[in-house]
Amino acid sequence: MLKAIDAARFFIYLMQDEENDLCNLKLNKLLYYAQGCHLKRTGKPLFSDSIEAWKHGPVVADIYHAYKSF
């Protein structure tokens, strides 16, 4: 099973040539949606990290802290 950081790095890789900025909030929302889609399709989580409900949306705390300066 992946860690959330692996999935986050994949999204960053996909968006590196795009003009849109991938901020921390967008990255965490993408992780949330990816986790939900993977759970629906396979019945298993995509990554093992927990997702928390924060004021501005779903957050994987380790990802937030790793990329909060961006």
Protein backbone atom coordinates (compact mmCIF):
# COMPACT_ATOMS: atom_id res chain seq x y z
CA MET A 1 0.00 0.00 0.00
CA LEU A 2 1.19 3.50 -0.78
CA LYS A 3 1.88 6.25 1.68
CA ALA A 4 0.13 9.58 1.13
CA ILE A 5 3.48 11.20 0.30
CA ASP A 6 3.83 8.85 -2.69
CA ALA A 7 0.42 9.84 -4.02
CA ALA A 8 1.18 13.53 -3.36
CA ARG A 9 4.43 13.31 -5.30
CA PHE A 10 2.55 11.69 -8.19
CA PHE A 11 0.06 14.58 -8.33
CA ILE A 12 2.91 17.09 -8.16
CA TYR A 13 4.64 15.28 -11.02
CA LEU A 14 1.44 15.37 -13.11
CA MET A 15 0.93 19.08 -12.50
CA GLN A 16 4.53 20.26 -12.96
CA ASP A 17 4.00 21.42 -16.55
CA GLU A 18 0.59 22.98 -15.94
CA GLU A 19 0.08 26.70 -15.54
CA ASN A 20 -2.24 26.11 -12.58
CA ASP A 21 -0.59 26.29 -9.20
CA LEU A 22 -1.00 23.21 -7.08
CA CYS A 23 -1.31 24.63 -3.59
CA ASN A 24 -1.40 22.63 -0.39
CA LEU A 25 -5.18 22.85 -0.17
CA LYS A 26 -5.64 21.51 -3.72
CA LEU A 27 -3.12 18.75 -3.10
CA ASN A 28 -4.94 17.57 0.01
CA LYS A 29 -8.29 17.65 -1.76
CA LEU A 30 -6.85 15.59 -4.62
CA LEU A 31 -5.61 13.05 -2.08
CA TYR A 32 -9.06 12.94 -0.50
CA TYR A 33 -10.79 12.34 -3.83
CA ALA A 34 -8.20 9.76 -4.92
CA GLN A 35 -8.66 7.87 -1.67
CA GLY A 36 -12.44 7.88 -2.10
CA CYS A 37 -12.32 6.77 -5.74
CA HIS A 38 -9.88 3.98 -4.97
CA LEU A 39 -12.00 2.79 -2.04
CA LYS A 40 -15.10 2.74 -4.23
CA ARG A 41 -13.41 0.81 -7.06
CA THR A 42 -11.36 -1.70 -5.08
CA GLY A 43 -12.76 -1.68 -1.56
CA LYS A 44 -9.24 -0.93 -0.29
CA PRO A 45 -7.58 2.38 0.60
CA LEU A 46 -5.04 3.85 -1.79
CA PHE A 47 -2.76 4.97 1.03
CA SER A 48 -2.50 4.16 4.71
CA ASP A 49 -2.37 7.68 6.15
CA SER A 50 -5.47 9.03 7.83
CA ILE A 51 -7.43 11.98 6.50
CA GLU A 52 -8.58 14.57 9.01
CA ALA A 53 -11.45 17.05 8.79
CA TRP A 54 -9.98 20.55 9.12
CA LYS A 55 -11.66 23.94 8.83
CA HIS A 56 -10.98 24.36 5.08
CA GLY A 57 -11.40 20.74 4.04
CA PRO A 58 -9.88 17.28 4.26
CA VAL A 59 -6.20 17.12 5.17
CA VAL A 60 -3.51 14.48 5.51
CA ALA A 61 -1.53 16.13 8.32
CA ASP A 62 1.89 14.84 7.18
CA ILE A 63 1.31 16.21 3.68
CA TYR A 64 0.13 19.55 5.00
CA HIS A 65 3.25 19.96 7.10
CA ALA A 66 5.56 18.74 4.35
CA TYR A 67 4.20 21.23 1.81
CA LYS A 68 2.91 24.12 3.95
CA SER A 69 5.62 26.44 2.69
CA PHE A 70 4.44 26.10 -0.92
